[in-house]
Amino acid sequence: MKKVRMFLILVLSALAAVSCSYFKIPKKTGRKAGNICTYTAKGEFIGCEPIK
């Protein structure tokens, strides 16, 4: 069972990494740079970081 759990954790972390790069939502502030919004694999919102 531990191998299955480790596999699930790896898959979820990979999905989270993909979603972090996928959700590039530009905010309409005065800046031209958008924000990278990160979500967990379940779709829960974590936060946004400005693109430098």
PDB file of N, CA and C in Angstrom:
ATOM      1  N   MET A   1       0.828  -1.212   0.000  1.00  0.00           N
ATOM      2  CA  MET A   1       0.000   0.000   0.000  1.00  0.00           C
ATOM      3  C   MET A   1       0.866   1.268   0.000  1.00  0.00           C
ATOM      4  N   LYS A   2       2.043   1.174   0.600  1.00  0.00           N
ATOM      5  CA  LYS A   2       2.894   2.366   0.650  1.00  0.00           C
ATOM      6  C   LYS A   2       3.354   2.773  -0.741  1.00  0.00           C
ATOM      7  N   LYS A   3       3.609   1.783  -1.611  1.00  0.00           N
ATOM      8  CA  LYS A   3       4.041   2.109  -2.976  1.00  0.00           C
ATOM      9  C   LYS A   3       2.927   2.822  -3.732  1.00  0.00           C
ATOM     10  N   VAL A   4       1.698   2.379  -3.521  1.00  0.00           N
ATOM     11  CA  VAL A   4       0.561   3.014  -4.193  1.00  0.00           C
ATOM     12  C   VAL A   4       0.420   4.455  -3.710  1.00  0.00           C
ATOM     13  N   ARG A   5       0.579   4.636  -2.402  1.00  0.00           N
ATOM     14  CA  ARG A   5       0.443   5.981  -1.844  1.00  0.00           C
ATOM     15  C   ARG A   5       1.551   6.898  -2.370  1.00  0.00           C
ATOM     16  N   MET A   6       2.772   6.393  -2.426  1.00  0.00           N
ATOM     17  CA  MET A   6       3.876   7.192  -2.952  1.00  0.00           C
ATOM     18  C   MET A   6       3.633   7.549  -4.418  1.00  0.00           C
ATOM     19  N   PHE A   7       3.101   6.592  -5.184  1.00  0.00           N
ATOM     20  CA  PHE A   7       2.799   6.843  -6.595  1.00  0.00           C
ATOM     21  C   PHE A   7       1.749   7.942  -6.737  1.00  0.00           C
ATOM     22  N   LEU A   8       0.710   7.879  -5.891  1.00  0.00           N
ATOM     23  CA  LEU A   8      -0.342   8.897  -5.939  1.00  0.00           C
ATOM     24  C   LEU A   8       0.220  10.271  -5.596  1.00  0.00           C
ATOM     25  N   ILE A   9       1.105  10.319  -4.602  1.00  0.00           N
ATOM     26  CA  ILE A   9       1.705  11.594  -4.211  1.00  0.00           C
ATOM     27  C   ILE A   9       2.536  12.162  -5.359  1.00  0.00           C
ATOM     28  N   LEU A  10       3.280  11.288  -6.037  1.00  0.00           N
ATOM     29  CA  LEU A  10       4.086  11.738  -7.178  1.00  0.00           C
ATOM     30  C   LEU A  10       3.198  12.266  -8.299  1.00  0.00           C
ATOM     31  N   VAL A  11       2.113  11.558  -8.582  1.00  0.00           N
ATOM     32  CA  VAL A  11       1.197  11.986  -9.649  1.00  0.00           C
ATOM     33  C   VAL A  11       0.553  13.323  -9.291  1.00  0.00           C
ATOM     34  N   LEU A  12       0.114  13.448  -8.042  1.00  0.00           N
ATOM     35  CA  LEU A  12      -0.534  14.688  -7.620  1.00  0.00           C
ATOM     36  C   LEU A  12       0.445  15.854  -7.644  1.00  0.00           C
ATOM     37  N   SER A  13       1.688  15.608  -7.225  1.00  0.00           N
ATOM     38  CA  SER A  13       2.675  16.690  -7.243  1.00  0.00           C
ATOM     39  C   SER A  13       3.000  17.088  -8.680  1.00  0.00           C
ATOM     40  N   ALA A  14       3.019  16.108  -9.588  1.00  0.00           N
ATOM     41  CA  ALA A  14       3.259  16.410 -11.000  1.00  0.00           C
ATOM     42  C   ALA A  14       2.103  17.233 -11.567  1.00  0.00           C
ATOM     43  N   LEU A  15       0.882  16.866 -11.210  1.00  0.00           N
ATOM     44  CA  LEU A  15      -0.287  17.623 -11.664  1.00  0.00           C
ATOM     45  C   LEU A  15      -0.254  19.039 -11.108  1.00  0.00           C
ATOM     46  N   ALA A  16       0.158  19.165  -9.846  1.00  0.00           N
ATOM     47  CA  ALA A  16       0.240  20.491  -9.228  1.00  0.00           C
ATOM     48  C   ALA A  16       1.275  21.347  -9.947  1.00  0.00           C
ATOM     49  N   ALA A  17       2.402  20.739 -10.322  1.00  0.00           N
ATOM     50  CA  ALA A  17       3.449  21.479 -11.035  1.00  0.00           C
ATOM     51  C   ALA A  17       2.943  21.928 -12.404  1.00  0.00           C
ATOM     52  N   VAL A  18       2.194  21.054 -13.070  1.00  0.00           N
ATOM     53  CA  VAL A  18       1.635  21.403 -14.380  1.00  0.00           C
ATOM     54  C   VAL A  18       0.616  22.525 -14.232  1.00  0.00           C
ATOM     55  N   SER A  19      -0.240  22.438 -13.205  1.00  0.00           N
ATOM     56  CA  SER A  19      -1.271  23.455 -13.034  1.00  0.00           C
ATOM     57  C   SER A  19      -0.650  24.795 -12.664  1.00  0.00           C
ATOM     58  N   CYS A  20       0.485  24.771 -11.959  1.00  0.00           N
ATOM     59  CA  CYS A  20       1.145  26.028 -11.602  1.00  0.00           C
ATOM     60  C   CYS A  20       1.601  26.759 -12.855  1.00  0.00           C
ATOM     61  N   SER A  21       2.118  26.023 -13.825  1.00  0.00           N
ATOM     62  CA  SER A  21       2.569  26.660 -15.056  1.00  0.00           C
ATOM     63  C   SER A  21       1.391  26.923 -15.996  1.00  0.00           C
ATOM     64  N   TYR A  22       0.284  26.220 -15.790  1.00  0.00           N
ATOM     65  CA  TYR A  22      -0.868  26.354 -16.681  1.00  0.00           C
ATOM     66  C   TYR A  22      -1.686  27.598 -16.350  1.00  0.00           C
ATOM     67  N   PHE A  23      -1.885  27.852 -15.050  1.00  0.00           N
ATOM     68  CA  PHE A  23      -2.747  28.964 -14.649  1.00  0.00           C
ATOM     69  C   PHE A  23      -1.961  30.270 -14.622  1.00  0.00           C
ATOM     70  N   LYS A  24      -1.773  30.874 -15.791  1.00  0.00           N
ATOM     71  CA  LYS A  24      -1.154  32.194 -15.845  1.00  0.00           C
ATOM     72  C   LYS A  24      -2.264  33.195 -16.108  1.00  0.00           C
ATOM     73  N   ILE A  25      -2.781  33.772 -15.048  1.00  0.00           N
ATOM     74  CA  ILE A  25      -3.930  34.664 -15.178  1.00  0.00           C
ATOM     75  C   ILE A  25      -3.456  36.108 -14.998  1.00  0.00           C
ATOM     76  N   PRO A  26      -3.459  36.906 -16.061  1.00  0.00           N
ATOM     77  CA  PRO A  26      -3.030  38.302 -15.914  1.00  0.00           C
ATOM     78  C   PRO A  26      -4.058  39.114 -15.134  1.00  0.00           C
ATOM     79  N   LYS A  27      -3.579  39.916 -14.208  1.00  0.00           N
ATOM     80  CA  LYS A  27      -4.468  40.781 -13.433  1.00  0.00           C
ATOM     81  C   LYS A  27      -4.474  42.164 -14.077  1.00  0.00           C
ATOM     82  N   LYS A  28      -5.621  42.797 -14.107  1.00  0.00           N
ATOM     83  CA  LYS A  28      -5.702  44.117 -14.713  1.00  0.00           C
ATOM     84  C   LYS A  28      -5.379  45.175 -13.662  1.00  0.00           C
ATOM     85  N   THR A  29      -4.114  45.219 -13.286  1.00  0.00           N
ATOM     86  CA  THR A  29      -3.625  46.318 -12.458  1.00  0.00           C
ATOM     87  C   THR A  29      -2.875  47.226 -13.414  1.00  0.00           C
ATOM     88  N   GLY A  30      -2.098  48.161 -12.952  1.00  0.00           N
ATOM     89  CA  GLY A  30      -1.377  49.037 -13.868  1.00  0.00           C
ATOM     90  C   GLY A  30      -0.214  48.337 -14.554  1.00  0.00           C
ATOM     91  N   ARG A  31       0.166  47.163 -14.077  1.00  0.00           N
ATOM     92  CA  ARG A  31       1.354  46.494 -14.592  1.00  0.00           C
ATOM     93  C   ARG A  31       1.029  45.651 -15.816  1.00  0.00           C
ATOM     94  N   LYS A  32       1.997  45.533 -16.705  1.00  0.00           N
ATOM     95  CA  LYS A  32       1.809  44.700 -17.887  1.00  0.00           C
ATOM     96  C   LYS A  32       2.030  43.229 -17.556  1.00  0.00           C
ATOM     97  N   ALA A  33       2.855  42.957 -16.527  1.00  0.00           N
ATOM     98  CA  ALA A  33       3.139  41.571 -16.161  1.00  0.00           C
ATOM     99  C   ALA A  33       1.933  40.968 -15.463  1.00  0.00           C
ATOM    100  N   GLY A  34       1.643  39.721 -15.800  1.00  0.00           N
ATOM    101  CA  GLY A  34       0.531  39.036 -15.157  1.00  0.00           C
ATOM    102  C   GLY A  34       0.984  38.345 -13.888  1.00  0.00           C
ATOM    103  N   ASN A  35       0.116  37.563 -13.320  1.00  0.00           N
ATOM    104  CA  ASN A  35       0.435  36.806 -12.119  1.00  0.00           C
ATOM    105  C   ASN A  35       0.315  35.324 -12.406  1.00  0.00           C
ATOM    106  N   ILE A  36       1.190  34.540 -11.776  1.00  0.00           N
ATOM    107  CA  ILE A  36       1.061  33.088 -11.861  1.00  0.00           C
ATOM    108  C   ILE A  36       0.267  32.644 -10.638  1.00  0.00           C
ATOM    109  N   CYS A  37      -0.924  32.134 -10.874  1.00  0.00           N
ATOM    110  CA  CYS A  37      -1.756  31.675  -9.768  1.00  0.00           C
ATOM    111  C   CYS A  37      -1.589  30.170  -9.617  1.00  0.00           C
ATOM    112  N   THR A  38      -1.329  29.750  -8.394  1.00  0.00           N
ATOM    113  CA  THR A  38      -1.087  28.334  -8.149  1.00  0.00           C
ATOM    114  C   THR A  38      -2.288  27.709  -7.450  1.00  0.00           C
ATOM    115  N   TYR A  39      -2.559  26.475  -7.827  1.00  0.00           N
ATOM    116  CA  TYR A  39      -3.644  25.710  -7.235  1.00  0.00           C
ATOM    117  C   TYR A  39      -3.115  24.337  -6.847  1.00  0.00           C
ATOM    118  N   THR A  40      -3.789  23.706  -5.890  1.00  0.00           N
ATOM    119  CA  THR A  40      -3.435  22.332  -5.562  1.00  0.00           C
ATOM    120  C   THR A  40      -4.035  21.421  -6.616  1.00  0.00           C
ATOM    121  N   ALA A  41      -3.703  20.140  -6.558  1.00  0.00           N
ATOM    122  CA  ALA A  41      -4.227  19.183  -7.531  1.00  0.00           C
ATOM    123  C   ALA A  41      -5.745  19.056  -7.408  1.00  0.00           C
ATOM    124  N   LYS A  42      -6.287  19.377  -6.233  1.00  0.00           N
ATOM    125  CA  LYS A  42      -7.739  19.297  -6.029  1.00  0.00           C
ATOM    126  C   LYS A  42      -8.449  20.538  -6.556  1.00  0.00           C
ATOM    127  N   GLY A  43      -7.667  21.523  -6.986  1.00  0.00           N
ATOM    128  CA  GLY A  43      -8.270  22.747  -7.497  1.00  0.00           C
ATOM    129  C   GLY A  43      -8.412  23.823  -6.442  1.00  0.00           C
ATOM    130  N   GLU A  44      -7.811  23.606  -5.263  1.00  0.00           N
ATOM    131  CA  GLU A  44      -7.891  24.611  -4.209  1.00  0.00           C
ATOM    132  C   GLU A  44      -6.895  25.726  -4.501  1.00  0.00           C
ATOM    133  N   PHE A  45      -7.323  26.950  -4.264  1.00  0.00           N
ATOM    134  CA  PHE A  45      -6.491  28.111  -4.573  1.00  0.00           C
ATOM    135  C   PHE A  45      -5.406  28.277  -3.514  1.00  0.00           C
ATOM    136  N   ILE A  46      -4.156  28.451  -3.954  1.00  0.00           N
ATOM    137  CA  ILE A  46      -3.052  28.685  -3.015  1.00  0.00           C
ATOM    138  C   ILE A  46      -2.728  30.170  -2.954  1.00  0.00           C
ATOM    139  N   GLY A  47      -2.382  30.755  -4.088  1.00  0.00           N
ATOM    140  CA  GLY A  47      -2.050  32.174  -4.090  1.00  0.00           C
ATOM    141  C   GLY A  47      -1.483  32.579  -5.433  1.00  0.00           C
ATOM    142  N   CYS A  48      -1.221  33.871  -5.604  1.00  0.00           N
ATOM    143  CA  CYS A  48      -0.687  34.379  -6.859  1.00  0.00           C
ATOM    144  C   CYS A  48       0.665  35.029  -6.624  1.00  0.00           C
ATOM    145  N   GLU A  49       1.570  34.816  -7.567  1.00  0.00           N
ATOM    146  CA  GLU A  49       2.875  35.469  -7.528  1.00  0.00           C
ATOM    147  C   GLU A  49       3.040  36.278  -8.800  1.00  0.00           C
ATOM    148  N   PRO A  50       3.508  37.513  -8.700  1.00  0.00           N
ATOM    149  CA  PRO A  50       3.709  38.319  -9.910  1.00  0.00           C
ATOM    150  C   PRO A  50       4.851  37.773 -10.746  1.00  0.00           C
ATOM    151  N   ILE A  51       4.688  37.825 -12.062  1.00  0.00           N
ATOM    152  CA  ILE A  51       5.738  37.382 -12.975  1.00  0.00           C
ATOM    153  C   ILE A  51       6.775  38.495 -13.080  1.00  0.00           C
ATOM    154  N   LYS A  52       8.031  38.159 -12.831  1.00  0.00           N
ATOM    155  CA  LYS A  52       9.075  39.190 -12.867  1.00  0.00           C
ATOM    156  C   LYS A  52       9.591  39.372 -14.279  1.00  0.00           C
TER     157      LYS A  52
END
